Amino acid sequence: MSETLVESLPPTAVPESFVDELEAQDGVQQAIAVRGYHLERDGETIPHAYQLIVNIRGKYILGLHLTNGEWRIVFDTRDHPELAQKGARAGYSAVHDALYERAPSDAEIDFEATPEFWHAPQ
């Protein structure tokens, strides 16, 4: 499902409404716009995400990052079975760490959505 999911994403940052649609797909438990910027369209400000977290219902968590018009999986909890022993919070923290490493320092970041328990690596 993960490859199909990535292929279904447009080659641009995705608006908030697309994240909601993604969350409505079968098998997707949760989709979160982690980092992005705001675009003005028709006098309305619309958040667009270039980093996403997708929780595949009860199976694994993906961290997705948009690079050069292509969405890439930068973290997949299936590749880290030790995280399953530590619980969901450890998985989410690891995904956020991986996305943080790829967040461009020179890009416009208008919003970040991170859980209270996560802190940027020092």
N, C-alpha and C. Protein backbone atom coordinates (compact mmCIF):
# COMPACT_ATOMS: atom_id res chain seq x y z
N MET A 1 0.82 -1.20 0.00
CA MET A 1 0.00 0.00 0.00
C MET A 1 0.86 1.26 0.00
N SER A 2 2.03 1.21 0.61
CA SER A 2 2.83 2.43 0.74
C SER A 2 3.26 2.98 -0.61
N GLU A 3 3.69 2.12 -1.54
CA GLU A 3 4.09 2.61 -2.86
C GLU A 3 2.90 3.18 -3.63
N THR A 4 1.76 2.51 -3.54
CA THR A 4 0.55 3.00 -4.20
C THR A 4 0.15 4.35 -3.62
N LEU A 5 0.27 4.49 -2.32
CA LEU A 5 -0.06 5.74 -1.65
C LEU A 5 0.83 6.86 -2.14
N VAL A 6 2.12 6.62 -2.19
CA VAL A 6 3.06 7.65 -2.65
C VAL A 6 2.79 8.02 -4.10
N GLU A 7 2.51 7.03 -4.93
CA GLU A 7 2.23 7.31 -6.34
C GLU A 7 0.94 8.10 -6.53
N SER A 8 0.03 8.03 -5.56
CA SER A 8 -1.24 8.76 -5.68
C SER A 8 -1.10 10.24 -5.34
N LEU A 9 0.03 10.63 -4.77
CA LEU A 9 0.24 12.03 -4.38
C LEU A 9 0.64 12.87 -5.59
N PRO A 10 0.12 14.09 -5.67
CA PRO A 10 0.52 14.97 -6.79
C PRO A 10 1.97 15.42 -6.61
N PRO A 11 2.62 15.86 -7.68
CA PRO A 11 4.03 16.25 -7.60
C PRO A 11 4.24 17.65 -7.02
N THR A 12 3.36 18.05 -6.14
CA THR A 12 3.45 19.37 -5.51
C THR A 12 3.07 19.23 -4.03
N ALA A 13 3.29 20.29 -3.30
CA ALA A 13 2.80 20.32 -1.92
C ALA A 13 1.29 20.16 -1.96
N VAL A 14 0.75 19.50 -0.95
CA VAL A 14 -0.68 19.19 -0.97
C VAL A 14 -1.46 20.09 -0.01
N PRO A 15 -2.64 20.55 -0.45
CA PRO A 15 -3.46 21.40 0.41
C PRO A 15 -4.08 20.58 1.55
N GLU A 16 -4.50 21.30 2.55
CA GLU A 16 -5.11 20.69 3.73
C GLU A 16 -6.26 19.74 3.35
N SER A 17 -7.06 20.12 2.37
CA SER A 17 -8.19 19.29 1.95
C SER A 17 -7.72 17.95 1.40
N PHE A 18 -6.56 17.91 0.74
CA PHE A 18 -6.04 16.66 0.22
C PHE A 18 -5.63 15.74 1.36
N VAL A 19 -5.08 16.31 2.42
CA VAL A 19 -4.69 15.51 3.59
C VAL A 19 -5.94 14.87 4.20
N ASP A 20 -7.04 15.61 4.24
CA ASP A 20 -8.30 15.06 4.74
C ASP A 20 -8.78 13.91 3.86
N GLU A 21 -8.66 14.07 2.54
CA GLU A 21 -9.04 13.00 1.61
C GLU A 21 -8.16 11.77 1.79
N LEU A 22 -6.90 11.99 2.02
CA LEU A 22 -5.96 10.90 2.24
C LEU A 22 -6.37 10.10 3.48
N GLU A 23 -6.74 10.81 4.51
CA GLU A 23 -7.16 10.17 5.75
C GLU A 23 -8.44 9.36 5.58
N ALA A 24 -9.25 9.70 4.59
CA ALA A 24 -10.51 9.00 4.36
C ALA A 24 -10.31 7.69 3.58
N GLN A 25 -9.10 7.45 3.07
CA GLN A 25 -8.84 6.23 2.30
C GLN A 25 -8.89 5.00 3.20
N ASP A 26 -9.32 3.89 2.62
CA ASP A 26 -9.30 2.62 3.35
C ASP A 26 -7.87 2.30 3.78
N GLY A 27 -7.73 1.86 4.98
CA GLY A 27 -6.43 1.47 5.49
C GLY A 27 -5.64 2.59 6.13
N VAL A 28 -6.01 3.84 5.86
CA VAL A 28 -5.29 4.97 6.47
C VAL A 28 -6.02 5.36 7.75
N GLN A 29 -5.31 5.24 8.85
CA GLN A 29 -5.89 5.61 10.13
C GLN A 29 -5.77 7.10 10.38
N GLN A 30 -4.62 7.67 10.00
CA GLN A 30 -4.38 9.08 10.28
C GLN A 30 -3.40 9.63 9.25
N ALA A 31 -3.64 10.85 8.81
CA ALA A 31 -2.72 11.58 7.95
C ALA A 31 -2.52 12.96 8.57
N ILE A 32 -1.26 13.35 8.68
CA ILE A 32 -0.93 14.62 9.34
C ILE A 32 -0.04 15.45 8.42
N ALA A 33 -0.41 16.69 8.21
CA ALA A 33 0.46 17.64 7.51
C ALA A 33 1.46 18.15 8.54
N VAL A 34 2.71 17.77 8.41
CA VAL A 34 3.71 18.08 9.43
C VAL A 34 4.34 19.46 9.23
N ARG A 35 4.78 19.74 8.00
CA ARG A 35 5.38 21.04 7.72
C ARG A 35 4.90 21.52 6.37
N GLY A 36 4.80 22.85 6.25
CA GLY A 36 4.38 23.41 4.99
C GLY A 36 4.36 24.92 5.01
N TYR A 37 3.68 25.44 4.04
CA TYR A 37 3.60 26.90 3.87
C TYR A 37 2.18 27.25 3.45
N HIS A 38 1.90 28.54 3.46
CA HIS A 38 0.57 29.02 3.07
C HIS A 38 0.63 29.61 1.67
N LEU A 39 -0.38 29.30 0.88
CA LEU A 39 -0.53 29.89 -0.45
C LEU A 39 -1.80 30.73 -0.47
N GLU A 40 -1.73 31.84 -1.16
CA GLU A 40 -2.91 32.69 -1.32
C GLU A 40 -3.59 32.32 -2.63
N ARG A 41 -4.86 31.96 -2.54
CA ARG A 41 -5.66 31.64 -3.74
C ARG A 41 -7.02 32.29 -3.60
N ASP A 42 -7.35 33.10 -4.57
CA ASP A 42 -8.66 33.76 -4.58
C ASP A 42 -8.96 34.46 -3.26
N GLY A 43 -7.95 35.11 -2.72
CA GLY A 43 -8.12 35.86 -1.48
C GLY A 43 -8.19 35.00 -0.23
N GLU A 44 -7.94 33.72 -0.38
CA GLU A 44 -7.99 32.80 0.76
C GLU A 44 -6.59 32.22 1.01
N THR A 45 -6.22 32.08 2.27
CA THR A 45 -4.94 31.49 2.63
C THR A 45 -5.15 30.00 2.87
N ILE A 46 -4.41 29.18 2.10
CA ILE A 46 -4.58 27.73 2.18
C ILE A 46 -3.25 27.09 2.56
N PRO A 47 -3.23 26.34 3.67
CA PRO A 47 -2.00 25.63 4.04
C PRO A 47 -1.70 24.51 3.04
N HIS A 48 -0.45 24.38 2.65
CA HIS A 48 0.03 23.32 1.76
C HIS A 48 1.20 22.62 2.45
N ALA A 49 1.15 21.29 2.50
CA ALA A 49 2.18 20.52 3.19
C ALA A 49 3.18 19.91 2.23
N TYR A 50 4.46 19.94 2.62
CA TYR A 50 5.50 19.23 1.88
C TYR A 50 6.11 18.11 2.73
N GLN A 51 5.57 17.93 3.92
CA GLN A 51 5.93 16.79 4.76
C GLN A 51 4.66 16.23 5.37
N LEU A 52 4.52 14.91 5.30
CA LEU A 52 3.33 14.23 5.81
C LEU A 52 3.73 13.03 6.66
N ILE A 53 2.87 12.72 7.60
CA ILE A 53 2.94 11.45 8.31
C ILE A 53 1.65 10.72 8.00
N VAL A 54 1.78 9.44 7.64
CA VAL A 54 0.60 8.63 7.36
C VAL A 54 0.69 7.36 8.20
N ASN A 55 -0.33 7.15 9.01
CA ASN A 55 -0.43 5.96 9.85
C ASN A 55 -1.33 4.97 9.12
N ILE A 56 -0.75 3.85 8.69
CA ILE A 56 -1.52 2.81 8.03
C ILE A 56 -2.11 1.94 9.14
N ARG A 57 -3.40 1.88 9.17
CA ARG A 57 -4.16 1.30 10.27
C ARG A 57 -3.53 0.05 10.89
N GLY A 58 -3.00 0.24 12.10
CA GLY A 58 -2.49 -0.86 12.90
C GLY A 58 -1.28 -1.58 12.34
N LYS A 59 -0.63 -1.01 11.34
CA LYS A 59 0.48 -1.73 10.70
C LYS A 59 1.81 -0.98 10.77
N TYR A 60 1.83 0.25 10.28
CA TYR A 60 3.08 0.98 10.23
C TYR A 60 2.82 2.47 10.03
N ILE A 61 3.88 3.25 10.22
CA ILE A 61 3.80 4.71 10.08
C ILE A 61 4.84 5.13 9.04
N LEU A 62 4.42 5.99 8.11
CA LEU A 62 5.31 6.50 7.07
C LEU A 62 5.58 7.98 7.27
N GLY A 63 6.79 8.39 7.02
CA GLY A 63 7.14 9.81 6.94
C GLY A 63 7.41 10.12 5.48
N LEU A 64 6.68 11.07 4.91
CA LEU A 64 6.80 11.41 3.49
C LEU A 64 7.30 12.85 3.35
N HIS A 65 8.21 13.02 2.40
CA HIS A 65 8.80 14.35 2.16
C HIS A 65 8.82 14.61 0.66
N LEU A 66 8.41 15.81 0.27
CA LEU A 66 8.41 16.23 -1.13
C LEU A 66 9.77 16.83 -1.48
N THR A 67 10.42 16.22 -2.49
CA THR A 67 11.72 16.71 -2.96
C THR A 67 11.69 16.76 -4.47
N ASN A 68 11.95 17.93 -5.02
CA ASN A 68 12.03 18.10 -6.49
C ASN A 68 10.83 17.50 -7.20
N GLY A 69 9.64 17.78 -6.71
CA GLY A 69 8.42 17.32 -7.36
C GLY A 69 8.13 15.84 -7.20
N GLU A 70 8.77 15.20 -6.23
CA GLU A 70 8.55 13.78 -6.01
C GLU A 70 8.43 13.50 -4.50
N TRP A 71 7.37 12.78 -4.14
CA TRP A 71 7.19 12.37 -2.75
C TRP A 71 8.03 11.14 -2.49
N ARG A 72 8.75 11.16 -1.38
CA ARG A 72 9.60 10.03 -1.02
C ARG A 72 9.31 9.59 0.41
N ILE A 73 9.39 8.30 0.62
CA ILE A 73 9.27 7.76 1.97
C ILE A 73 10.64 7.94 2.62
N VAL A 74 10.69 8.76 3.67
CA VAL A 74 11.97 8.99 4.34
C VAL A 74 12.06 8.20 5.64
N PHE A 75 10.94 7.66 6.09
CA PHE A 75 10.96 6.79 7.26
C PHE A 75 9.76 5.86 7.20
N ASP A 76 10.02 4.59 7.44
CA ASP A 76 8.98 3.57 7.45
C ASP A 76 9.24 2.73 8.70
N THR A 77 8.29 2.72 9.62
CA THR A 77 8.52 1.99 10.87
C THR A 77 8.70 0.50 10.66
N ARG A 78 8.29 -0.04 9.53
CA ARG A 78 8.52 -1.47 9.25
C ARG A 78 10.01 -1.78 9.15
N ASP A 79 10.80 -0.78 8.79
CA ASP A 79 12.25 -0.97 8.69
C ASP A 79 12.94 -0.90 10.05
N HIS A 80 12.17 -0.64 11.09
CA HIS A 80 12.71 -0.48 12.44
C HIS A 80 11.86 -1.27 13.44
N PRO A 81 11.93 -2.60 13.41
CA PRO A 81 11.07 -3.43 14.26
C PRO A 81 11.26 -3.18 15.75
N GLU A 82 12.42 -2.65 16.14
CA GLU A 82 12.64 -2.36 17.56
C GLU A 82 11.68 -1.31 18.09
N LEU A 83 11.16 -0.46 17.21
CA LEU A 83 10.22 0.58 17.64
C LEU A 83 8.90 -0.02 18.10
N ALA A 84 8.51 -1.15 17.54
CA ALA A 84 7.25 -1.79 17.92
C ALA A 84 7.27 -2.18 19.41
N GLN A 85 8.43 -2.54 19.90
CA GLN A 85 8.56 -2.91 21.31
C GLN A 85 8.42 -1.71 22.23
N LYS A 86 8.71 -0.52 21.70
CA LYS A 86 8.69 0.69 22.51
C LYS A 86 7.35 1.41 22.47
N GLY A 87 6.47 1.02 21.54
CA GLY A 87 5.16 1.64 21.46
C GLY A 87 5.04 2.68 20.36
N ALA A 88 3.79 3.13 20.14
CA ALA A 88 3.48 4.06 19.05
C ALA A 88 4.21 5.39 19.20
N ARG A 89 4.35 5.86 20.42
CA ARG A 89 5.00 7.16 20.62
C ARG A 89 6.43 7.14 20.09
N ALA A 90 7.13 6.04 20.30
CA ALA A 90 8.51 5.92 19.79
C ALA A 90 8.53 5.95 18.27
N GLY A 91 7.55 5.32 17.65
CA GLY A 91 7.45 5.34 16.19
C GLY A 91 7.21 6.74 15.67
N TYR A 92 6.26 7.44 16.28
CA TYR A 92 5.97 8.81 15.85
C TYR A 92 7.19 9.71 16.06
N SER A 93 7.88 9.55 17.18
CA SER A 93 9.08 10.37 17.43
C SER A 93 10.14 10.12 16.37
N ALA A 94 10.36 8.86 16.02
CA ALA A 94 11.37 8.53 15.01
C ALA A 94 11.00 9.12 13.65
N VAL A 95 9.73 9.06 13.30
CA VAL A 95 9.28 9.63 12.02
C VAL A 95 9.48 11.15 12.02
N HIS A 96 9.10 11.80 13.12
CA HIS A 96 9.29 13.25 13.23
C HIS A 96 10.77 13.62 13.14
N ASP A 97 11.64 12.82 13.79
CA ASP A 97 13.08 13.08 13.71
C ASP A 97 13.56 13.03 12.26
N ALA A 98 13.12 12.01 11.52
CA ALA A 98 13.55 11.86 10.12
C ALA A 98 13.05 13.03 9.26
N LEU A 99 11.82 13.45 9.49
CA LEU A 99 11.29 14.59 8.72
C LEU A 99 12.01 15.88 9.09
N TYR A 100 12.30 16.06 10.36
CA TYR A 100 13.00 17.25 10.81
C TYR A 100 14.37 17.37 10.14
N GLU A 101 15.06 16.23 10.00
CA GLU A 101 16.38 16.23 9.34
C GLU A 101 16.29 16.71 7.90
N ARG A 102 15.14 16.49 7.27
CA ARG A 102 14.99 16.86 5.85
C ARG A 102 14.29 18.19 5.64
N ALA A 103 13.81 18.79 6.70
CA ALA A 103 13.15 20.09 6.58
C ALA A 103 14.17 21.11 6.11
N PRO A 104 13.93 21.73 4.99
CA PRO A 104 14.92 22.69 4.47
C PRO A 104 15.03 23.92 5.37
N SER A 105 16.24 24.25 5.74
CA SER A 105 16.44 25.37 6.64
C SER A 105 16.19 26.71 5.96
N ASP A 106 16.32 26.74 4.64
CA ASP A 106 16.15 28.00 3.92
C ASP A 106 14.75 28.16 3.33
N ALA A 107 13.88 27.18 3.55
CA ALA A 107 12.53 27.24 2.97
C ALA A 107 11.59 27.98 3.90
N GLU A 108 10.53 28.42 3.32
CA GLU A 108 9.49 29.06 4.10
C GLU A 108 8.70 27.98 4.83
N ILE A 109 8.67 28.06 6.15
CA ILE A 109 7.90 27.12 6.95
C ILE A 109 6.87 27.95 7.70
N ASP A 110 5.63 27.89 7.23
CA ASP A 110 4.56 28.65 7.87
C ASP A 110 3.89 27.88 8.99
N PHE A 111 3.97 26.56 8.92
CA PHE A 111 3.36 25.79 10.01
C PHE A 111 4.13 24.50 10.24
N GLU A 112 4.07 24.06 11.47
CA GLU A 112 4.63 22.77 11.86
C GLU A 112 3.61 22.13 12.79
N ALA A 113 3.34 20.85 12.59
CA ALA A 113 2.42 20.12 13.44
C ALA A 113 3.17 18.96 14.06
N THR A 114 3.57 19.12 15.29
CA THR A 114 4.28 18.06 15.99
C THR A 114 3.60 17.81 17.33
N PRO A 115 3.63 16.58 17.80
CA PRO A 115 2.98 16.28 19.08
C PRO A 115 3.74 16.92 20.24
N GLU A 116 3.05 17.12 21.34
CA GLU A 116 3.68 17.76 22.51
C GLU A 116 4.87 16.98 23.03
N PHE A 117 4.85 15.65 22.88
CA PHE A 117 5.94 14.85 23.44
C PHE A 117 7.20 14.89 22.58
N TRP A 118 7.11 15.41 21.33
CA TRP A 118 8.27 15.41 20.45
C TRP A 118 9.02 16.73 20.59
N HIS A 119 10.35 16.65 20.63
CA HIS A 119 11.19 17.84 20.65
C HIS A 119 12.25 17.68 19.59
N ALA A 120 12.58 18.76 18.91
CA ALA A 120 13.59 18.72 17.85
C ALA A 120 14.91 18.21 18.41
N PRO A 121 15.58 17.33 17.67
CA PRO A 121 16.88 16.83 18.12
C PRO A 121 17.87 17.97 18.31
N GLN A 122 18.71 17.85 19.30
CA GLN A 122 19.71 18.89 19.59
C GLN A 122 21.00 18.61 18.87
